Protein backbone atom coordinates (compact mmCIF):
# COMPACT_ATOMS: atom_id res chain seq x y z
CA MET A 1 72.63 170.79 111.45
CA LEU A 2 74.64 172.02 114.42
CA VAL A 3 77.37 170.30 116.43
CA LEU A 4 75.81 167.34 118.22
CA PRO A 5 76.86 164.38 120.40
CA ALA A 6 79.88 162.41 119.18
CA ALA A 7 80.39 164.92 116.37
CA ARG A 8 82.42 167.69 118.00
CA GLU A 9 85.91 166.54 117.13
CA ARG A 10 84.78 165.39 113.69
CA VAL A 11 83.37 168.82 112.92
CA ARG A 12 86.43 170.60 114.24
CA ALA A 13 88.64 168.50 112.00
CA SER A 14 86.48 168.83 108.90
CA ASP A 15 86.18 172.58 109.25
CA GLY A 16 89.93 172.99 109.15
CA ASP A 17 91.86 175.93 110.60
CA PRO A 18 89.37 178.11 112.54
CA GLY A 19 91.39 181.15 111.49
CA ARG A 20 90.68 180.39 107.83
CA THR A 21 87.12 179.13 108.11
CA THR A 22 83.97 180.06 109.97
CA ARG A 23 80.60 178.51 110.57
CA VAL A 24 77.52 180.74 110.37
CA LEU A 25 74.91 179.73 112.95
CA VAL A 26 71.54 181.46 112.74
CA GLY A 27 69.56 181.80 115.97
CA ASN A 28 66.04 181.93 114.57
CA ASP A 29 62.70 180.50 115.64
CA PHE A 30 59.47 179.36 113.97
CA SER A 31 58.96 180.91 110.56
CA GLU A 32 56.14 183.32 109.82
CA ASP A 33 54.55 180.60 107.68
CA VAL A 34 53.44 178.65 110.73
CA ARG A 35 53.34 180.90 113.80
CA THR A 36 52.77 184.54 114.54
CA ASP A 37 53.61 184.55 118.30
CA ARG A 38 57.30 184.98 117.60
CA GLY A 39 58.53 188.30 119.00
CA TRP A 40 59.08 186.98 122.53
CA THR A 41 61.78 184.46 121.60
CA GLY A 42 64.81 186.77 121.53
CA TRP A 43 66.04 185.24 124.79
CA TRP A 44 65.10 181.66 123.85
CA VAL A 45 67.20 181.50 120.69
CA GLN A 46 70.32 182.56 122.59
CA ARG A 47 70.73 178.88 123.46
CA ILE A 48 72.52 178.64 120.12
CA ALA A 49 75.59 179.75 122.09
CA TRP A 50 75.86 176.19 123.44
CA PHE A 51 76.63 174.98 119.90
CA ALA A 52 79.31 177.57 119.13
CA GLU A 53 82.87 176.54 118.38
CA GLU A 54 85.88 178.84 118.13
CA GLY A 55 85.75 181.16 115.15
CA ASP A 56 82.00 180.83 114.63
CA THR A 57 79.78 183.66 113.44
CA LEU A 58 76.43 183.85 115.25
CA VAL A 59 73.40 185.65 113.83
CA LEU A 60 70.85 186.65 116.48
CA PRO A 61 67.71 188.83 116.58
CA THR A 62 69.04 190.81 119.55
CA HIS A 63 72.44 191.28 121.12
CA PRO A 64 73.01 188.32 123.43
CA GLU A 65 73.23 188.72 127.16
CA GLU A 66 76.97 188.91 127.75
CA ALA A 67 76.74 187.33 131.19
CA PHE A 68 75.03 184.30 129.65
CA LEU A 69 77.51 184.12 126.77
CA ALA A 70 80.48 184.26 129.15
CA TYR A 71 78.89 181.56 131.31
CA VAL A 72 78.27 179.21 128.38
CA THR A 73 81.70 179.59 126.82
CA ALA A 74 83.36 178.97 130.19
CA LEU A 75 81.57 175.61 130.36
CA THR A 76 82.17 174.65 126.72
CA GLY A 77 85.79 175.80 126.64
CA VAL A 78 85.26 178.15 123.69
CA ARG A 79 87.08 181.48 123.82
CA ARG A 80 84.42 184.19 123.73
CA GLU A 81 86.71 186.59 121.87
CA THR A 82 86.84 184.27 118.85
CA LEU A 83 83.07 184.50 118.28
CA SER A 84 81.51 187.10 116.01
CA ILE A 85 77.96 188.28 116.72
CA VAL A 86 75.88 189.92 113.99
CA VAL A 87 72.42 191.41 114.65
CA PRO A 88 70.33 192.66 111.70
CA PRO A 89 68.76 196.13 111.89
CA THR A 90 65.42 195.95 113.64
CA ARG A 91 62.10 196.59 111.99
CA GLU A 92 58.97 197.62 113.83
CA GLY A 93 57.35 194.58 115.40
CA SER A 94 60.24 192.22 114.62
CA GLU A 95 62.74 193.16 117.33
CA GLY A 96 62.76 189.71 118.91
CA THR A 97 62.80 187.55 115.81
CA LEU A 98 64.83 187.00 112.64
CA SER A 99 62.12 187.70 110.10
CA PRO A 100 62.74 187.12 106.38
CA ALA A 101 62.91 190.88 105.91
CA ARG A 102 65.62 191.26 108.54
CA LEU A 103 67.68 188.39 107.10
CA ALA A 104 67.44 189.95 103.64
CA ASP A 105 68.32 193.47 104.80
CA PRO A 106 71.25 194.73 102.66
CA GLU A 107 72.84 196.42 105.66
CA PHE A 108 72.77 193.14 107.58
CA VAL A 109 74.13 191.13 104.65
CA ALA A 110 77.00 193.60 104.35
CA SER A 111 77.71 193.38 108.10
CA LEU A 112 77.66 189.59 107.98
CA ALA A 113 80.00 189.54 104.99
CA ALA A 114 82.35 191.86 106.86
CA ALA A 115 82.29 189.60 109.93
CA ILE A 116 83.12 186.60 107.74
CA GLY A 117 85.89 188.52 106.02
CA ASP A 118 88.17 186.43 103.84
CA ARG A 119 87.39 183.23 105.72
CA GLU A 120 85.66 180.36 103.97
CA VAL A 121 82.17 179.56 105.25
CA SER A 122 82.50 175.85 106.01
CA HIS A 123 78.98 175.44 107.40
CA LEU A 124 75.75 177.43 107.60
CA SER A 125 72.67 176.30 109.52
CA ALA A 126 69.94 177.49 111.84
CA LEU A 127 67.85 176.44 114.80
CA TRP A 128 64.78 176.39 112.53
CA PRO A 129 65.08 175.29 108.84
CA ASP A 130 63.57 178.44 107.34
CA ALA A 131 63.56 179.20 103.62
CA ALA A 132 64.79 182.68 104.55
CA VAL A 133 68.01 181.09 105.82
CA ALA A 134 68.44 179.27 102.50
CA ARG A 135 68.00 182.60 100.75
CA LEU A 136 70.72 184.06 102.97
CA ALA A 137 73.06 181.20 102.01
CA ARG A 138 72.30 181.88 98.36
CA THR A 139 72.94 185.61 98.78
CA LEU A 140 76.29 184.91 100.42
CA GLY A 141 77.17 182.42 97.69
CA VAL A 142 77.60 179.56 100.18
CA ARG A 143 74.62 177.32 99.47
CA SER A 144 76.92 174.27 99.37
CA ALA A 145 77.82 174.95 103.02
CA MET A 146 74.20 174.53 104.12
CA PRO A 147 73.15 170.90 104.73
CA GLY A 148 69.84 170.15 103.03
CA TYR A 149 69.84 173.49 101.23
CA GLY A 150 67.53 172.37 98.41
CA PHE A 151 64.96 170.96 100.84
CA VAL A 152 64.91 174.01 103.10
CA ASP A 153 64.87 176.42 100.15
CA GLN A 154 61.54 174.96 99.04
CA ALA A 155 59.87 175.45 102.46
CA GLY A 156 60.81 171.99 103.70
CA GLY A 157 61.01 173.26 107.26
CA VAL A 158 57.23 173.52 107.30
CA LEU A 159 56.89 169.85 106.36
CA VAL A 160 59.23 168.50 109.04
CA ASN A 161 57.49 170.42 111.82
CA SER A 162 53.87 169.78 110.87
CA LYS A 163 51.79 167.39 112.97
CA ALA A 164 49.60 166.77 109.93
CA VAL A 165 52.53 165.88 107.67
CA PHE A 166 53.97 163.77 110.49
CA ARG A 167 50.89 161.54 110.38
CA THR A 168 51.29 161.19 106.62
CA ILE A 169 54.98 160.23 106.89
CA ALA A 170 54.43 157.93 109.87
CA GLY A 171 51.55 156.21 108.11
CA GLY A 172 53.65 155.63 105.02
CA ALA A 173 56.67 154.42 107.00
CA GLY A 174 54.60 152.05 109.13
CA VAL A 175 55.43 153.84 112.37
CA PRO A 176 52.78 153.22 115.08
CA MET A 177 50.71 156.21 116.17
CA PRO A 178 47.38 156.81 117.93
CA GLU A 179 44.26 156.24 115.88
CA GLY A 180 43.30 159.53 114.28
CA ALA A 181 43.09 161.71 111.19
CA VAL A 182 44.42 164.83 109.50
CA CYS A 183 41.53 167.30 109.42
CA THR A 184 41.46 169.05 106.06
CA SER A 185 38.14 170.80 106.74
CA PRO A 186 35.67 171.32 109.60
CA GLU A 187 33.50 168.61 108.08
CA VAL A 188 36.34 166.09 108.03
CA ALA A 189 37.25 167.06 111.59
CA GLU A 190 33.67 166.60 112.76
CA GLU A 191 33.39 163.07 111.41
CA ALA A 192 36.83 162.06 112.66
CA ILE A 193 36.17 163.38 116.17
CA LEU A 194 32.77 161.71 116.42
CA GLU A 195 34.19 158.37 115.31
CA LEU A 196 37.05 158.60 117.80
CA LEU A 197 34.78 159.69 120.66
CA ASP A 198 33.09 156.31 120.52
CA GLY A 199 36.27 154.88 122.03
CA GLY A 200 37.13 157.58 124.57
CA PRO A 201 38.61 161.09 124.81
CA VAL A 202 40.00 162.79 121.69
CA VAL A 203 42.81 165.33 121.51
CA VAL A 204 42.57 167.99 118.80
CA LYS A 205 45.98 169.42 117.91
CA HIS A 206 47.06 172.67 116.32
CA ASP A 207 49.42 171.85 113.45
CA TYR A 208 52.45 173.78 114.73
CA MET A 209 52.12 174.83 118.36
CA SER A 210 54.23 173.00 120.93
CA GLY A 211 54.56 172.28 124.63
CA GLY A 212 50.92 171.13 124.76
CA ARG A 213 49.61 174.66 124.23
CA GLY A 214 48.08 173.78 120.89
CA ASN A 215 46.12 170.79 122.18
CA GLU A 216 42.54 170.56 123.46
CA ILE A 217 40.78 167.41 124.68
CA LEU A 218 37.17 166.52 123.93
CA THR A 219 35.32 163.93 126.00
CA THR A 220 31.79 162.59 126.35
CA GLY A 221 32.52 161.33 129.85
CA GLU A 222 33.72 162.81 133.08
CA GLN A 223 36.02 165.81 133.30
CA PHE A 224 39.65 165.15 134.22
CA ARG A 225 42.86 167.11 134.61
CA PRO A 226 44.48 167.69 131.21
CA ILE A 227 48.07 166.59 130.72
CA GLY A 228 49.75 167.97 127.62
CA ALA A 229 46.73 170.06 126.65
CA ARG A 230 45.11 173.41 127.35
CA ARG A 231 41.80 172.10 128.67
CA VAL A 232 39.21 169.31 128.64
CA ILE A 233 35.85 170.07 127.01
CA ARG A 234 32.78 167.92 127.54
CA VAL A 235 30.68 167.34 124.41
CA ALA A 236 27.38 165.49 124.24
CA GLY A 237 27.28 164.71 120.53
CA ARG A 238 27.43 166.05 116.99
CA GLU A 239 25.97 169.48 117.71
CA ASP A 240 28.50 170.15 120.47
CA VAL A 241 31.40 169.00 118.29
CA ARG A 242 30.18 171.16 115.42
CA ALA A 243 29.83 174.16 117.73
CA TYR A 244 33.35 173.59 119.09
CA LEU A 245 34.84 173.46 115.60
CA ARG A 246 32.90 176.54 114.53
CA GLU A 247 34.32 178.46 117.49
CA ARG A 248 37.91 177.14 117.35
CA TRP A 249 38.62 176.41 113.68
CA ASP A 250 40.34 179.71 112.98
CA TRP A 251 42.61 179.21 116.00
CA LEU A 252 43.26 175.55 115.23
CA THR A 253 44.35 176.40 111.67
CA SER A 254 46.09 179.74 112.36
CA GLY A 255 43.67 181.44 110.04
CA GLY A 256 43.79 178.66 107.46
CA ARG A 257 47.57 178.16 107.36
CA GLY A 258 47.57 174.71 108.96
CA ARG A 259 45.62 171.48 109.24
CA PRO A 260 44.72 170.29 112.73
CA VAL A 261 44.95 166.69 113.82
CA ALA A 262 42.39 164.68 115.79
CA GLU A 263 43.60 161.54 117.53
CA ARG A 264 42.86 159.18 120.38
CA TYR A 265 43.90 160.59 123.77
CA VAL A 266 45.38 157.80 125.89
CA ARG A 267 45.13 158.67 129.56
CA ASP A 268 47.83 157.70 132.07
CA SER A 269 50.50 157.47 129.37
CA SER A 270 54.07 158.69 129.78
CA ALA A 271 55.70 160.90 127.15
CA TYR A 272 59.21 160.50 125.74
CA PHE A 273 61.40 161.99 123.03
CA SER A 274 64.24 160.62 120.99
CA GLU A 275 66.59 162.64 118.80
CA PHE A 276 68.53 161.84 115.67
CA LEU A 277 70.99 163.61 113.41
CA VAL A 278 70.03 163.18 109.76
CA THR A 279 73.02 163.57 107.44
CA ASP A 280 74.18 162.48 104.00
CA GLU A 281 75.79 159.47 105.71
CA GLY A 282 72.69 158.24 107.53
CA VAL A 283 70.52 158.66 110.62
CA GLU A 284 72.42 158.78 113.93
CA PHE A 285 70.65 158.33 117.28
CA THR A 286 71.85 161.10 119.60
CA GLY A 287 69.70 161.10 122.73
CA ASP A 288 66.43 160.48 124.52
CA GLY A 289 64.46 161.61 127.53
CA GLU A 290 61.13 161.77 129.33
CA LEU A 291 58.84 164.78 128.81
CA LEU A 292 57.09 166.22 131.88
CA SER A 293 53.83 168.18 131.65
CA ALA A 294 51.55 169.79 134.27
CA PRO A 295 49.52 170.46 132.13
CA TYR A 296 51.98 172.15 129.74
CA ALA A 297 55.64 171.26 129.30
CA VAL A 298 57.45 171.81 132.62
CA GLY A 299 60.62 169.80 132.19
CA GLN A 300 62.54 166.80 130.90
CA ILE A 301 64.56 163.93 132.32
CA MET A 302 67.60 162.92 130.26
CA PRO A 303 68.26 160.19 129.45
CA SER A 304 65.02 158.30 130.05
CA GLN A 305 64.98 156.57 133.43
CA GLY A 306 63.38 153.21 134.14
CA LEU A 307 62.24 152.41 130.61
CA GLU A 308 62.46 148.75 129.74
CA PRO A 309 65.20 148.23 127.13
CA GLU A 310 62.69 146.65 124.77
CA VAL A 311 60.40 149.69 125.00
CA LEU A 312 63.28 152.11 124.46
CA GLY A 313 64.36 149.97 121.53
CA ARG A 314 60.97 150.42 119.89
CA ILE A 315 61.16 154.18 120.45
CA VAL A 316 64.57 154.33 118.77
CA GLU A 317 63.55 152.00 115.95
CA GLY A 318 60.45 154.00 115.06
CA GLY A 319 62.32 157.29 115.28
CA ARG A 320 65.03 155.98 112.98
CA ARG A 321 62.42 154.94 110.42
CA LEU A 322 61.00 158.45 110.46
CA GLY A 323 64.51 159.81 110.03
CA GLU A 324 65.20 157.56 107.06
CA ALA A 325 61.94 158.64 105.41
CA LEU A 326 62.80 162.33 105.79
CA ARG A 327 66.40 161.73 104.75
CA ALA A 328 65.11 160.28 101.47
CA LEU A 329 63.20 163.53 100.93
CA GLY A 330 66.35 165.59 101.42
CA TYR A 331 66.01 166.78 105.01
CA ARG A 332 69.29 167.24 106.87
CA GLY A 333 69.50 168.18 110.53
CA VAL A 334 68.06 167.33 113.93
CA LEU A 335 64.92 165.20 114.09
CA GLY A 336 63.10 164.80 117.40
CA PRO A 337 60.13 162.41 117.34
CA ASP A 338 57.83 162.40 120.38
CA THR A 339 56.14 159.26 121.68
CA ILE A 340 53.80 158.10 124.38
CA VAL A 341 54.09 154.80 126.21
CA THR A 342 50.69 153.56 127.28
CA PRO A 343 49.95 151.68 130.53
CA GLU A 344 49.96 148.51 128.39
CA ARG A 345 53.54 149.44 127.25
CA GLU A 346 52.46 150.20 123.71
CA VAL A 347 54.71 152.74 121.96
CA LEU A 348 52.82 155.31 119.88
CA PHE A 349 54.45 158.20 118.01
CA THR A 350 52.61 161.52 118.26
CA GLU A 351 54.70 164.06 116.29
CA TYR A 352 58.17 164.94 115.10
CA ASN A 353 60.25 168.10 115.32
CA GLY A 354 62.60 168.82 112.43
CA ARG A 355 64.60 171.51 114.16
CA VAL A 356 67.03 172.09 117.00
CA THR A 357 64.64 171.46 119.89
CA GLY A 358 64.51 172.51 123.50
CA SER A 359 66.20 169.20 124.31
CA THR A 360 69.11 169.30 121.86
CA HIS A 361 71.41 171.64 123.77
CA ILE A 362 70.70 169.84 127.05
CA HIS A 363 71.69 166.31 126.05
CA GLY A 364 73.85 167.26 123.08
CA ARG A 365 76.10 169.88 124.65
CA ILE A 366 75.58 170.10 128.40
CA GLY A 367 75.24 166.34 128.80
CA ARG A 368 77.89 165.15 126.38
CA PHE A 369 80.53 167.86 126.79
CA ALA A 370 79.99 169.68 130.10
CA VAL A 371 79.06 166.55 132.08
CA GLY A 372 81.13 164.21 129.95
CA ASP A 373 81.31 160.46 129.45
CA GLY A 374 79.37 159.76 132.63
CA PHE A 375 76.20 161.35 131.28
CA GLY A 376 73.58 158.62 131.23
CA LYS A 377 75.80 156.30 133.27
CA ASP A 378 76.54 157.90 136.63
CA ARG A 379 74.84 161.23 135.94
CA VAL A 380 71.28 162.19 135.01
CA ILE A 381 69.88 165.58 134.00
CA LEU A 382 66.58 167.04 135.19
CA GLU A 383 65.72 170.03 133.00
CA ARG A 384 63.10 172.49 134.22
CA VAL A 385 61.09 175.33 132.79
CA TRP A 386 61.23 178.21 135.26
CA PRO A 387 58.24 177.49 137.54
CA GLU A 388 55.39 179.88 138.10
CA GLY A 389 55.71 181.60 141.45
CA TRP A 390 59.52 181.80 141.24
CA SER A 391 61.38 185.00 140.48
CA THR A 392 64.86 186.37 139.86
CA PRO A 393 65.72 189.83 138.52
CA SER A 394 68.43 188.74 136.08
CA PHE A 395 70.66 185.95 134.82
CA SER A 396 73.56 187.21 136.93
CA ALA A 397 71.39 187.36 140.04
CA ALA A 398 70.24 183.78 139.51
CA LEU A 399 73.82 182.60 139.06
CA ASP A 400 74.99 184.49 142.16
CA THR A 401 72.19 182.90 144.21
CA LEU A 402 73.21 179.43 143.04
CA ARG A 403 76.87 180.04 143.83
CA GLN A 404 76.15 181.44 147.29
CA ALA A 405 74.00 178.40 148.05
CA GLY A 406 76.69 176.02 146.79
CA LEU A 407 74.36 174.67 144.11
CA ALA A 408 76.00 175.94 140.92
CA TYR A 409 77.34 173.25 138.63
CA ASP A 410 80.81 172.08 139.64
CA PRO A 411 82.85 170.43 136.84
CA ALA A 412 84.98 168.69 139.47
CA THR A 413 82.04 166.78 140.98
CA ARG A 414 79.94 166.88 137.80
CA THR A 415 76.90 167.86 139.86
CA GLY A 416 74.88 171.01 140.36
CA VAL A 417 72.61 173.43 138.55
CA VAL A 418 73.34 174.65 135.02
CA LEU A 419 71.51 177.74 133.75
CA THR A 420 70.58 176.76 130.21
CA ASN A 421 69.40 180.01 128.66
CA ALA A 422 69.44 183.77 128.93
CA PHE A 423 67.09 185.69 131.23
CA ASP A 424 63.54 185.52 129.88
CA ASN A 425 62.98 189.29 130.28
CA ASN A 426 60.28 188.51 132.81
CA ASN A 427 61.28 186.71 135.99
CA GLY A 428 63.22 183.57 135.24
CA VAL A 429 65.99 181.51 133.68
CA MET A 430 65.57 177.96 132.40
CA TYR A 431 67.88 175.51 134.14
CA CYS A 432 68.82 171.89 134.60
CA VAL A 433 70.04 169.87 137.55
CA VAL A 434 72.91 167.42 137.05
CA ALA A 435 72.91 164.70 139.71
CA ALA A 436 73.99 161.15 140.41
CA ASP A 437 70.39 159.95 140.28
CA LEU A 438 66.89 161.26 139.74
CA SER A 439 66.02 161.34 143.44
CA SER A 440 69.00 163.61 144.12
CA ALA A 441 68.04 165.84 141.19
CA TRP A 442 64.50 166.33 142.52
CA SER A 443 65.89 167.00 146.00
CA CYS A 444 68.07 169.77 144.58
CA ASP A 445 65.09 171.15 142.69
CA ARG A 446 63.11 171.37 145.93
CA THR A 447 65.98 173.32 147.47
CA LEU A 448 65.85 175.76 144.56
CA LYS A 449 62.24 176.48 145.44
CA THR A 450 63.36 177.82 148.82
CA LEU A 451 65.73 180.19 147.02
CA PHE A 452 63.49 181.52 144.27
CA ALA A 453 59.83 180.92 145.15
CA VAL A 454 57.88 184.07 145.98
CA SER A 455 54.47 182.39 146.32
CA GLU A 456 52.94 178.99 146.91
CA GLN A 457 52.07 178.74 143.21
CA SER A 458 55.22 177.04 142.01
CA VAL A 459 53.90 174.27 139.80
CA GLY A 460 53.74 174.65 136.03
CA GLY A 461 55.84 176.99 133.96
CA SER A 462 56.03 179.89 131.58
CA ASP A 463 56.94 177.67 128.65
CA ARG A 464 55.66 179.04 125.37
CA ILE A 465 58.02 176.99 123.26
């Protein structure tokens, strides 16, 4: 549970004198229990800097990019010199991630204790609710400072990020979702897919992958362009479905660690997210937005634009019910349910994310605190994954280009481009455009293409989140 909308002053007050207390914020990613493609995220987790307050202690898998850290703290008003950064010793193959072994390393624990000094740890949390973080809290003797410690300690983070468990919780809470099933075996998957295919295309989902990269669509009809999925596969009947599952089961289950989901794929739907903060006091709605895919995640619009109030109300109501269900189980932290709105304006929930998501720092810090009270009123944010075909050699180079073009975010006008993360060690930096309206935001985005595009292939993105 990090600092979120409407909570900044409350947290500052409750944490007391920053010289006598510190918060420990752990910049981790998916745990080894659910995903193995984790070493690349050293740049991605640096977004935790947006949540830092003065006197905080940040734990990261690699030393953060100082240019990015200076940029963020200038926008948030946090003095960089008050922040402590602790990086555990690296182990072969784990340089870009905070593995359980790195978080338990005695040398790291000693370094973290030294950084904390004689200050009281008023709060300890992480981007991802990993049991290894609970063990760290226990080792430091500060388990009471970690919201939801008991839940996370018993691998609760796996439950609140599982698409299979989501369907169980949503079914029990009466939250609407697409017709479908949790596939506990290839045989169960085969029957579920065949039954669903009678009514149209079916999407088969990996339990833990995100951004659409864990989804594949099966159809008995014509081929079509996938949105929110890797590909569309035409199947003629049982034998084709069985052959597909035989070929893909190991991938779909991460070698048996997860349970895939099969559900109705509703074409021509729009995708939205809502976010909530689940605390001891209740479930607080903190933000919403539209999810853009082509075919994978390529951006977000925050807050949602053009949704009928009644439709948005159903999105918030269903999300709150999911939050209350997980709160009763002991989960504490950010909850981000995803939904689709069908052409008939039906609201169907498709998954939840019990972690600090790729949306949280955009609406929760950049929107609420950098943009201010006008966010969602006279300002909208268009967030973009760095498009394919664009290139920049570094974070600093990207920022210099924006400034020279007069496009960098200006707090005085509350418009412009905000770089939202560190350099991705490849060719890009994720960013968002703050504008008076969505049309102006897209216009600015088209101008960015003239600055950074190196080829005509500039649709899509490198999102692996």
